N, C-alpha and C. Protein backbone atom coordinates (compact mmCIF):
# COMPACT_ATOMS: atom_id res chain seq x y z
N UNK A 1 15.87 -35.60 16.77
CA UNK A 1 16.60 -36.20 15.93
C UNK A 1 16.71 -37.29 16.32
N UNK A 2 16.33 -38.47 15.30
CA UNK A 2 16.72 -40.07 15.47
C UNK A 2 17.94 -40.31 14.50
N UNK A 3 18.61 -40.96 15.12
CA UNK A 3 19.87 -41.64 14.36
C UNK A 3 19.68 -43.04 14.00
N UNK A 4 19.97 -43.47 12.92
CA UNK A 4 19.94 -44.68 12.41
C UNK A 4 21.22 -44.99 11.76
N UNK A 5 21.92 -46.10 12.62
CA UNK A 5 23.07 -46.46 11.93
C UNK A 5 23.08 -47.86 11.22
N UNK A 6 23.67 -48.19 9.97
CA UNK A 6 23.71 -49.35 9.13
C UNK A 6 25.22 -49.82 9.22
N UNK A 7 25.23 -50.91 9.43
CA UNK A 7 26.60 -51.58 9.04
C UNK A 7 26.51 -52.84 8.13
N UNK A 8 27.39 -52.49 6.92
CA UNK A 8 27.47 -53.31 5.80
C UNK A 8 28.95 -54.17 5.71
N UNK A 9 28.94 -55.55 5.44
CA UNK A 9 30.11 -56.21 5.43
C UNK A 9 30.19 -56.60 3.92
N UNK A 10 31.29 -55.71 3.27
CA UNK A 10 31.19 -56.35 1.84
C UNK A 10 32.84 -56.72 1.72
N UNK A 11 33.00 -57.72 1.10
CA UNK A 11 34.52 -58.27 0.90
C UNK A 11 35.38 -58.00 2.02
N UNK A 12 35.09 -58.03 3.45
CA UNK A 12 35.92 -57.71 4.42
C UNK A 12 35.96 -56.51 4.78
N UNK A 13 35.28 -55.58 4.19
CA UNK A 13 35.48 -54.16 4.49
C UNK A 13 34.20 -53.64 5.12
N UNK A 14 34.29 -53.10 6.36
CA UNK A 14 33.37 -52.73 6.95
C UNK A 14 32.98 -51.38 6.74
N UNK A 15 31.96 -50.76 6.52
CA UNK A 15 31.30 -49.24 6.08
C UNK A 15 30.10 -49.19 7.23
N UNK A 16 30.39 -48.02 7.81
CA UNK A 16 29.11 -47.71 8.62
C UNK A 16 28.52 -46.30 7.87
N UNK A 17 27.36 -46.50 7.78
CA UNK A 17 26.34 -45.12 7.44
C UNK A 17 25.59 -44.68 8.45
N UNK A 18 25.71 -43.49 8.54
CA UNK A 18 24.79 -43.01 9.61
C UNK A 18 23.64 -41.75 8.95
N UNK A 19 22.73 -42.14 8.99
CA UNK A 19 21.50 -41.21 8.60
C UNK A 19 20.78 -40.41 9.54
N UNK A 20 20.44 -39.09 9.19
CA UNK A 20 19.83 -38.68 10.37
C UNK A 20 18.61 -38.25 9.62
N UNK A 21 17.53 -38.35 10.79
CA UNK A 21 16.05 -38.28 10.17
C UNK A 21 15.67 -36.87 10.85
N UNK A 22 15.29 -35.58 9.96
CA UNK A 22 15.14 -34.52 10.28
C UNK A 22 13.67 -34.42 10.52
N UNK A 23 13.18 -33.65 11.55
CA UNK A 23 11.72 -33.63 11.59
C UNK A 23 11.39 -32.16 10.95
N UNK A 24 10.18 -32.21 10.53
CA UNK A 24 9.82 -30.98 9.64
C UNK A 24 9.96 -29.77 10.36
N UNK A 25 10.04 -28.73 9.56
CA UNK A 25 10.74 -27.35 10.38
C UNK A 25 9.35 -26.63 10.53
N UNK A 26 8.54 -27.10 9.68
CA UNK A 26 7.14 -26.31 9.28
C UNK A 26 6.40 -26.33 10.61
N UNK A 27 6.52 -27.56 11.17
CA UNK A 27 5.67 -27.45 12.70
C UNK A 27 6.18 -26.66 13.81
N UNK A 28 7.48 -26.54 13.55
CA UNK A 28 8.10 -25.56 14.49
C UNK A 28 7.75 -23.85 14.50
N UNK A 29 7.66 -23.67 13.06
CA UNK A 29 7.53 -22.20 12.70
C UNK A 29 6.25 -21.94 13.38
N UNK A 30 6.03 -20.77 14.04
CA UNK A 30 4.90 -20.14 14.38
C UNK A 30 4.66 -18.89 13.91
N UNK A 31 3.92 -18.24 13.23
CA UNK A 31 3.61 -17.00 12.73
C UNK A 31 3.27 -16.22 14.02
N UNK A 32 3.84 -14.99 13.93
CA UNK A 32 3.58 -14.05 15.06
C UNK A 32 2.67 -13.05 14.37
N UNK A 33 1.27 -12.52 14.63
CA UNK A 33 0.30 -11.71 13.83
C UNK A 33 0.80 -10.28 14.64
N UNK A 34 0.91 -9.28 13.55
CA UNK A 34 1.44 -8.10 14.08
C UNK A 34 -0.11 -7.48 14.61
N UNK A 35 0.04 -6.71 15.68
CA UNK A 35 -1.12 -6.02 16.36
C UNK A 35 -1.28 -4.79 15.95
N UNK A 36 -2.09 -4.43 15.17
CA UNK A 36 -2.41 -3.03 14.49
C UNK A 36 -2.71 -2.06 15.31
N UNK A 37 -2.71 -2.20 16.28
CA UNK A 37 -2.91 -1.13 17.49
C UNK A 37 -1.78 -0.57 17.79
N UNK A 38 -0.75 -1.65 17.68
CA UNK A 38 0.98 -1.19 18.21
C UNK A 38 2.02 -1.51 17.10
N UNK A 39 1.81 -0.43 16.13
CA UNK A 39 2.65 -0.71 14.77
C UNK A 39 4.10 -0.22 15.25
N UNK A 40 5.06 -1.02 15.00
CA UNK A 40 6.52 -0.62 15.34
C UNK A 40 6.95 0.79 14.07
N UNK A 41 7.28 1.72 14.49
CA UNK A 41 7.76 2.80 13.69
C UNK A 41 9.06 2.24 13.00
N UNK A 42 8.87 2.86 11.64
CA UNK A 42 9.77 2.34 10.69
C UNK A 42 11.32 3.28 10.90
N UNK A 43 12.40 2.80 10.69
CA UNK A 43 13.34 3.88 10.85
C UNK A 43 13.54 4.89 9.66
N UNK A 44 13.89 6.11 9.80
CA UNK A 44 14.09 7.23 8.94
C UNK A 44 15.13 6.73 8.01
N UNK A 45 14.80 6.67 6.76
CA UNK A 45 15.94 6.28 5.46
C UNK A 45 16.36 7.75 4.99
N UNK A 46 15.73 8.65 5.08
CA UNK A 46 16.25 9.97 4.60
C UNK A 46 15.98 11.16 5.94
N UNK A 47 17.14 11.74 6.06
CA UNK A 47 17.12 12.79 6.91
C UNK A 47 16.15 14.24 6.45
N UNK A 48 16.19 14.53 5.29
CA UNK A 48 15.59 15.31 4.80
C UNK A 48 15.14 15.22 3.38
N UNK A 49 14.16 15.85 2.75
CA UNK A 49 14.12 15.79 1.36
C UNK A 49 14.23 17.21 0.77
N UNK A 50 14.39 17.02 -0.37
CA UNK A 50 14.36 18.37 -1.35
C UNK A 50 12.97 19.20 -1.21
N UNK A 51 13.25 20.44 -1.26
CA UNK A 51 12.07 21.38 -1.13
C UNK A 51 11.16 21.19 -2.15
N UNK A 52 11.65 20.36 -3.26
CA UNK A 52 10.59 20.45 -4.38
C UNK A 52 9.69 19.13 -3.99
N UNK A 53 10.28 18.28 -3.77
CA UNK A 53 9.48 17.08 -3.20
C UNK A 53 8.44 17.57 -1.73
N UNK A 54 9.20 18.46 -0.89
CA UNK A 54 8.20 18.67 0.09
C UNK A 54 7.02 19.75 -0.12
N UNK A 55 7.21 20.46 -1.43
CA UNK A 55 5.93 21.01 -1.95
C UNK A 55 5.20 20.29 -2.40
N UNK A 56 5.49 19.15 -3.21
CA UNK A 56 4.69 18.04 -3.83
C UNK A 56 3.77 17.42 -2.52
N UNK A 57 4.37 17.03 -1.74
CA UNK A 57 3.87 16.32 -0.30
C UNK A 57 2.89 17.34 0.20
N UNK A 58 3.27 18.61 0.31
CA UNK A 58 2.09 19.50 0.89
C UNK A 58 0.95 19.82 -0.02
N UNK A 59 1.08 19.82 -1.45
CA UNK A 59 0.17 19.77 -2.27
C UNK A 59 -0.85 18.72 -2.16
N UNK A 60 -0.22 17.46 -2.18
CA UNK A 60 -1.13 16.23 -1.89
C UNK A 60 -1.84 16.27 -0.56
N UNK A 61 -1.26 16.78 0.25
CA UNK A 61 -1.69 16.76 1.63
C UNK A 61 -2.89 17.94 1.83
N UNK A 62 -2.70 19.00 1.05
CA UNK A 62 -3.64 19.99 0.83
C UNK A 62 -5.11 19.62 0.60
N UNK A 63 -4.94 18.49 -0.52
CA UNK A 63 -6.22 18.00 -0.95
C UNK A 63 -6.68 16.73 -0.23
N UNK A 64 -5.79 15.83 0.10
CA UNK A 64 -6.32 14.67 0.90
C UNK A 64 -6.25 14.67 2.70
N UNK A 65 -5.54 15.58 2.96
CA UNK A 65 -4.93 15.62 4.36
C UNK A 65 -6.32 15.73 5.16
N UNK A 66 -7.29 16.54 5.04
CA UNK A 66 -8.57 16.25 6.08
C UNK A 66 -9.16 15.05 6.26
N UNK A 67 -9.05 14.27 5.35
CA UNK A 67 -9.60 13.05 5.37
C UNK A 67 -8.62 11.78 5.79
N UNK A 68 -7.13 11.85 6.06
CA UNK A 68 -6.20 11.07 6.32
C UNK A 68 -6.06 10.89 7.72
N UNK A 69 -6.53 11.54 8.52
CA UNK A 69 -6.47 11.53 10.17
C UNK A 69 -5.10 11.76 10.57
N UNK A 70 -4.11 12.59 9.63
CA UNK A 70 -2.64 12.57 10.30
C UNK A 70 -2.40 13.97 10.16
N UNK A 71 -1.27 14.60 10.45
CA UNK A 71 -1.02 16.07 10.54
C UNK A 71 0.00 15.82 9.39
N UNK A 72 0.55 17.17 8.40
CA UNK A 72 1.26 17.17 7.63
C UNK A 72 2.69 16.76 7.91
N UNK A 73 3.22 17.05 9.26
CA UNK A 73 4.10 16.50 9.66
C UNK A 73 4.17 15.02 9.72
N UNK A 74 3.23 14.43 10.21
CA UNK A 74 3.32 12.86 10.25
C UNK A 74 2.96 12.36 8.85
N UNK A 75 2.36 12.84 7.80
CA UNK A 75 2.47 12.54 6.58
C UNK A 75 3.95 12.79 5.84
N UNK A 76 4.88 13.74 6.22
CA UNK A 76 6.12 13.87 5.88
C UNK A 76 6.89 13.03 6.16
N UNK A 77 6.74 12.48 7.42
CA UNK A 77 7.34 11.57 8.04
C UNK A 77 7.64 10.30 7.67
N UNK A 78 6.29 9.96 6.92
CA UNK A 78 6.13 8.67 6.04
C UNK A 78 7.01 8.47 4.95
N UNK A 79 7.10 9.74 4.26
CA UNK A 79 7.94 9.71 3.26
C UNK A 79 9.43 9.62 3.28
N UNK A 80 9.77 9.97 4.49
CA UNK A 80 11.05 10.15 5.11
C UNK A 80 11.57 8.65 5.46
N UNK A 81 10.52 7.94 5.85
CA UNK A 81 10.73 6.49 6.28
C UNK A 81 10.75 5.55 4.98
N UNK A 82 10.49 6.11 3.78
CA UNK A 82 10.08 5.13 2.87
C UNK A 82 11.39 5.06 1.82
N UNK A 83 11.98 3.76 1.31
CA UNK A 83 12.93 3.58 1.02
C UNK A 83 13.33 4.35 -0.51
N UNK A 84 12.09 4.81 -1.06
CA UNK A 84 12.01 5.32 -2.31
C UNK A 84 10.87 6.34 -2.26
N UNK A 85 11.01 7.37 -1.33
CA UNK A 85 10.20 8.45 -1.50
C UNK A 85 9.43 8.94 -2.68
N UNK A 86 10.44 9.40 -4.07
CA UNK A 86 9.88 9.45 -5.13
C UNK A 86 8.92 9.03 -5.56
N UNK A 87 9.23 7.38 -5.55
CA UNK A 87 7.75 6.62 -5.85
C UNK A 87 6.78 6.77 -5.23
N UNK A 88 7.02 6.72 -3.79
CA UNK A 88 5.96 7.07 -3.04
C UNK A 88 5.06 8.41 -3.33
N UNK A 89 5.87 9.17 -3.61
CA UNK A 89 5.41 11.01 -3.89
C UNK A 89 4.13 10.52 -5.32
N UNK A 90 4.87 9.62 -6.50
CA UNK A 90 4.27 9.47 -7.36
C UNK A 90 3.16 8.93 -7.37
N UNK A 91 3.03 7.89 -6.41
CA UNK A 91 1.78 7.17 -5.93
C UNK A 91 0.59 7.98 -5.49
N UNK A 92 0.84 8.69 -4.65
CA UNK A 92 0.09 9.70 -3.77
C UNK A 92 -0.28 10.43 -4.88
N UNK A 93 0.61 11.22 -5.53
CA UNK A 93 0.00 12.20 -6.70
C UNK A 93 -1.19 11.48 -7.68
N UNK A 94 -0.90 10.46 -7.94
CA UNK A 94 -1.91 9.68 -8.94
C UNK A 94 -3.14 9.30 -7.80
N UNK A 95 -3.11 9.13 -6.80
CA UNK A 95 -4.33 8.95 -5.88
C UNK A 95 -4.95 10.23 -5.81
N UNK A 96 -4.21 11.41 -5.54
CA UNK A 96 -4.85 12.63 -5.58
C UNK A 96 -5.46 12.87 -6.79
N UNK A 97 -4.84 12.78 -7.92
CA UNK A 97 -5.34 12.95 -9.38
C UNK A 97 -6.66 12.44 -9.92
N UNK A 98 -6.78 11.10 -9.28
CA UNK A 98 -7.72 10.23 -9.62
C UNK A 98 -8.83 10.63 -8.77
N UNK A 99 -8.71 11.11 -7.23
CA UNK A 99 -9.85 11.80 -6.45
C UNK A 99 -10.27 13.22 -7.16
N UNK A 100 -9.29 13.83 -7.51
CA UNK A 100 -9.90 15.04 -8.04
C UNK A 100 -10.81 14.72 -9.51
N UNK A 101 -10.14 13.83 -10.34
CA UNK A 101 -10.84 13.39 -11.44
C UNK A 101 -12.33 12.60 -11.03
N UNK A 102 -12.47 12.03 -10.05
CA UNK A 102 -13.42 11.33 -9.56
C UNK A 102 -14.72 12.41 -9.48
N UNK A 103 -14.50 13.55 -8.51
CA UNK A 103 -15.13 14.56 -8.25
C UNK A 103 -15.70 15.48 -9.60
N UNK A 104 -14.60 15.66 -10.32
CA UNK A 104 -14.99 16.39 -11.60
C UNK A 104 -15.87 15.50 -12.55
N UNK A 105 -15.52 14.06 -12.73
CA UNK A 105 -16.60 13.55 -13.64
C UNK A 105 -17.94 13.00 -12.97
N UNK A 106 -17.86 13.09 -11.72
CA UNK A 106 -19.28 12.52 -11.19
C UNK A 106 -19.42 13.41 -10.02
N UNK A 107 -20.08 14.69 -10.25
CA UNK A 107 -20.36 15.72 -9.34
C UNK A 107 -21.62 15.33 -8.60
N UNK A 108 -21.59 15.58 -7.43
CA UNK A 108 -22.89 15.36 -6.42
C UNK A 108 -23.67 16.69 -6.16
N UNK A 109 -24.85 16.45 -6.02
CA UNK A 109 -25.59 17.66 -6.01
C UNK A 109 -25.34 18.24 -4.39
N UNK A 110 -24.80 17.31 -3.59
CA UNK A 110 -24.50 17.89 -2.40
C UNK A 110 -22.90 17.77 -2.03
N UNK A 111 -22.50 18.21 -0.79
CA UNK A 111 -21.05 17.83 -0.78
C UNK A 111 -20.95 16.54 0.12
N UNK A 112 -20.10 15.69 -0.36
CA UNK A 112 -19.83 14.19 0.42
C UNK A 112 -19.55 14.74 2.00
N UNK A 113 -20.12 13.89 2.85
CA UNK A 113 -19.31 13.97 4.27
C UNK A 113 -18.00 13.43 4.12
N UNK A 114 -17.36 14.02 5.19
CA UNK A 114 -16.01 13.19 5.72
C UNK A 114 -15.85 11.94 5.49
N UNK A 115 -16.67 10.94 6.15
CA UNK A 115 -16.75 10.04 6.31
C UNK A 115 -16.72 9.10 4.70
N UNK A 116 -17.68 9.92 4.03
CA UNK A 116 -17.44 9.46 2.75
C UNK A 116 -16.40 9.72 1.78
N UNK A 117 -15.70 10.66 2.06
CA UNK A 117 -14.58 11.23 1.47
C UNK A 117 -13.30 10.15 2.06
N UNK A 118 -13.29 9.76 3.20
CA UNK A 118 -12.53 8.99 3.80
C UNK A 118 -12.65 7.21 2.97
N UNK A 119 -13.85 7.06 2.72
CA UNK A 119 -13.82 5.83 2.16
C UNK A 119 -13.64 5.58 0.88
N UNK A 120 -13.74 6.99 0.07
CA UNK A 120 -13.42 7.19 -1.56
C UNK A 120 -11.67 7.16 -1.29
N UNK A 121 -11.11 7.78 -0.71
CA UNK A 121 -9.57 7.79 -0.55
C UNK A 121 -9.09 6.31 0.04
N UNK A 122 -9.89 5.77 0.76
CA UNK A 122 -9.13 4.37 1.24
C UNK A 122 -9.34 3.61 0.12
N UNK A 123 -10.44 3.74 -0.68
CA UNK A 123 -10.32 2.73 -1.88
C UNK A 123 -9.62 3.04 -2.69
N UNK A 124 -9.04 4.29 -3.21
CA UNK A 124 -8.13 4.58 -3.97
C UNK A 124 -6.76 4.07 -3.52
N UNK A 125 -6.47 4.10 -2.30
CA UNK A 125 -5.45 3.62 -1.75
C UNK A 125 -5.21 2.22 -1.95
N UNK A 126 -6.43 1.13 -1.74
CA UNK A 126 -6.53 -0.23 -1.75
C UNK A 126 -6.08 -0.46 -3.75
N UNK A 127 -6.82 0.30 -4.48
CA UNK A 127 -6.53 0.26 -5.80
C UNK A 127 -4.92 0.44 -6.31
N UNK A 128 -4.34 1.54 -5.19
CA UNK A 128 -3.00 1.70 -5.78
C UNK A 128 -2.04 0.34 -5.17
N UNK A 129 -2.65 -0.22 -4.44
CA UNK A 129 -1.93 -1.63 -3.80
C UNK A 129 -2.24 -2.70 -4.79
N UNK A 130 -2.88 -2.61 -5.63
CA UNK A 130 -3.38 -3.59 -6.70
C UNK A 130 -4.74 -4.18 -6.24
N UNK A 131 -5.28 -3.88 -5.65
CA UNK A 131 -6.69 -4.67 -5.31
C UNK A 131 -7.63 -3.87 -6.37
N UNK A 132 -8.52 -4.81 -7.14
CA UNK A 132 -9.11 -4.35 -8.46
C UNK A 132 -10.55 -4.88 -8.29
N UNK A 133 -10.96 -5.80 -7.09
CA UNK A 133 -11.89 -6.50 -7.14
C UNK A 133 -13.33 -4.90 -6.46
N UNK A 134 -14.18 -4.94 -7.24
CA UNK A 134 -14.89 -3.98 -6.80
C UNK A 134 -15.69 -4.04 -5.46
N UNK A 135 -15.97 -5.43 -5.22
CA UNK A 135 -16.67 -5.86 -3.96
C UNK A 135 -15.70 -5.68 -2.84
N UNK A 136 -14.65 -5.47 -2.75
CA UNK A 136 -13.88 -5.41 -1.70
C UNK A 136 -13.01 -3.86 -1.41
N UNK A 137 -13.60 -3.02 -2.08
CA UNK A 137 -12.84 -1.71 -2.16
C UNK A 137 -13.84 -0.96 -0.92
N UNK A 138 -14.70 -1.26 -0.19
CA UNK A 138 -15.25 -0.82 0.80
C UNK A 138 -16.53 0.56 0.43
N UNK A 139 -17.07 0.45 -0.91
CA UNK A 139 -17.69 1.18 -1.35
C UNK A 139 -18.99 0.51 -2.32
N UNK A 140 -20.07 1.11 -2.83
CA UNK A 140 -20.75 0.41 -3.17
C UNK A 140 -20.29 -0.01 -4.78
N UNK A 141 -20.34 -1.24 -5.53
CA UNK A 141 -19.90 -1.71 -6.51
C UNK A 141 -19.82 -0.62 -7.74
N UNK A 142 -21.15 0.10 -7.86
CA UNK A 142 -21.06 1.01 -9.01
C UNK A 142 -19.96 2.26 -8.88
N UNK A 143 -19.89 2.67 -7.72
CA UNK A 143 -18.80 3.61 -7.07
C UNK A 143 -17.47 3.10 -7.42
N UNK A 144 -17.17 1.81 -6.95
CA UNK A 144 -15.84 1.14 -6.93
C UNK A 144 -15.55 0.85 -8.55
N UNK A 145 -16.46 0.89 -9.35
CA UNK A 145 -16.09 0.88 -10.87
C UNK A 145 -15.56 2.12 -11.33
N UNK A 146 -16.20 3.09 -10.89
CA UNK A 146 -15.91 4.62 -11.32
C UNK A 146 -14.48 4.91 -10.91
N UNK A 147 -14.30 4.75 -9.62
CA UNK A 147 -13.24 4.68 -8.88
C UNK A 147 -11.93 4.05 -9.68
N UNK A 148 -12.14 2.64 -10.04
CA UNK A 148 -10.92 2.04 -10.93
C UNK A 148 -10.80 2.67 -12.30
N UNK A 149 -11.93 3.19 -12.82
CA UNK A 149 -11.57 3.89 -14.17
C UNK A 149 -10.90 5.34 -13.84
N UNK A 150 -11.40 5.81 -12.99
CA UNK A 150 -10.43 7.23 -12.28
C UNK A 150 -9.21 6.90 -12.26
N UNK A 151 -8.86 6.00 -11.40
CA UNK A 151 -7.38 5.64 -11.20
C UNK A 151 -6.50 5.19 -12.36
N UNK A 152 -7.14 4.42 -13.22
CA UNK A 152 -6.57 3.72 -14.49
C UNK A 152 -6.28 5.24 -15.28
N UNK A 153 -6.92 6.00 -15.36
CA UNK A 153 -6.60 7.17 -16.26
C UNK A 153 -6.33 8.37 -15.59
N UNK A 154 -5.98 8.14 -14.40
CA UNK A 154 -5.42 9.45 -13.65
C UNK A 154 -4.15 10.29 -13.93
N UNK A 155 -3.36 9.63 -15.02
CA UNK A 155 -2.20 10.33 -15.64
C UNK A 155 -2.47 10.77 -16.78
N UNK A 156 -3.63 10.42 -17.35
CA UNK A 156 -4.15 11.03 -18.61
C UNK A 156 -4.22 12.53 -18.34
N UNK A 157 -3.77 13.47 -19.59
CA UNK A 157 -3.80 14.92 -19.49
C UNK A 157 -5.19 15.50 -18.92
N UNK A 158 -6.28 14.93 -19.56
CA UNK A 158 -7.70 15.37 -19.36
C UNK A 158 -8.17 14.78 -18.14
N UNK A 159 -7.48 14.38 -17.09
CA UNK A 159 -7.80 13.92 -15.84
C UNK A 159 -8.10 14.93 -14.79
N UNK A 160 -7.13 16.11 -15.21
CA UNK A 160 -7.39 17.12 -14.00
C UNK A 160 -8.69 18.08 -14.23
N UNK A 161 -9.23 18.39 -13.56
CA UNK A 161 -10.59 19.18 -13.62
C UNK A 161 -10.38 20.62 -14.09
N UNK A 162 -11.31 20.91 -15.06
CA UNK A 162 -10.78 22.27 -15.72
C UNK A 162 -12.17 23.10 -15.24
N UNK A 163 -12.06 24.53 -15.06
CA UNK A 163 -13.12 25.47 -14.88
C UNK A 163 -13.85 25.57 -16.27
N UNK A 164 -15.03 25.55 -16.14
CA UNK A 164 -15.84 25.78 -17.32
C UNK A 164 -16.10 27.31 -17.41
N UNK A 165 -15.90 27.93 -18.55
CA UNK A 165 -16.24 29.09 -18.42
C UNK A 165 -17.46 29.43 -19.13
N UNK A 166 -18.17 30.50 -18.62
CA UNK A 166 -19.42 30.81 -19.14
C UNK A 166 -19.06 31.49 -20.34
N UNK A 167 -20.38 31.49 -21.52
CA UNK A 167 -20.02 32.06 -22.70
C UNK A 167 -20.80 33.21 -22.81
């Protein structure tokens, strides 16, 4: 810091002004990038969750778990660490409903591979976080448009697949 002193003599009164020149703090701040390979574990905000919420988590995991790369226990811990687990469960419920809706509306002649399912779920997670650019979802643009539509209508009553009965 540099100090500058100015003395003024007005009508026999002497005043001294001291001004301090402050260097820009922007140059001093350095951002530290997080290392994705070593994330810090979040603290547990909830020691336990009600049985009803645990059942909902288990239902979501039953559908999506094989493609998430985690165990049910690890998946549950994520909700225990969340400040608002009910909101998080609602978000995952919508992702799961959108995933089911996609498979109901756009059935494939063959079973999708595990890697294809992981990409779909990753895209739904990205959509849930607000990403809507079809080119950044990691799936072909025509699939991305379908995923965006399924997610937008995931809470509609008709988004759940129904079994068609033969006549």
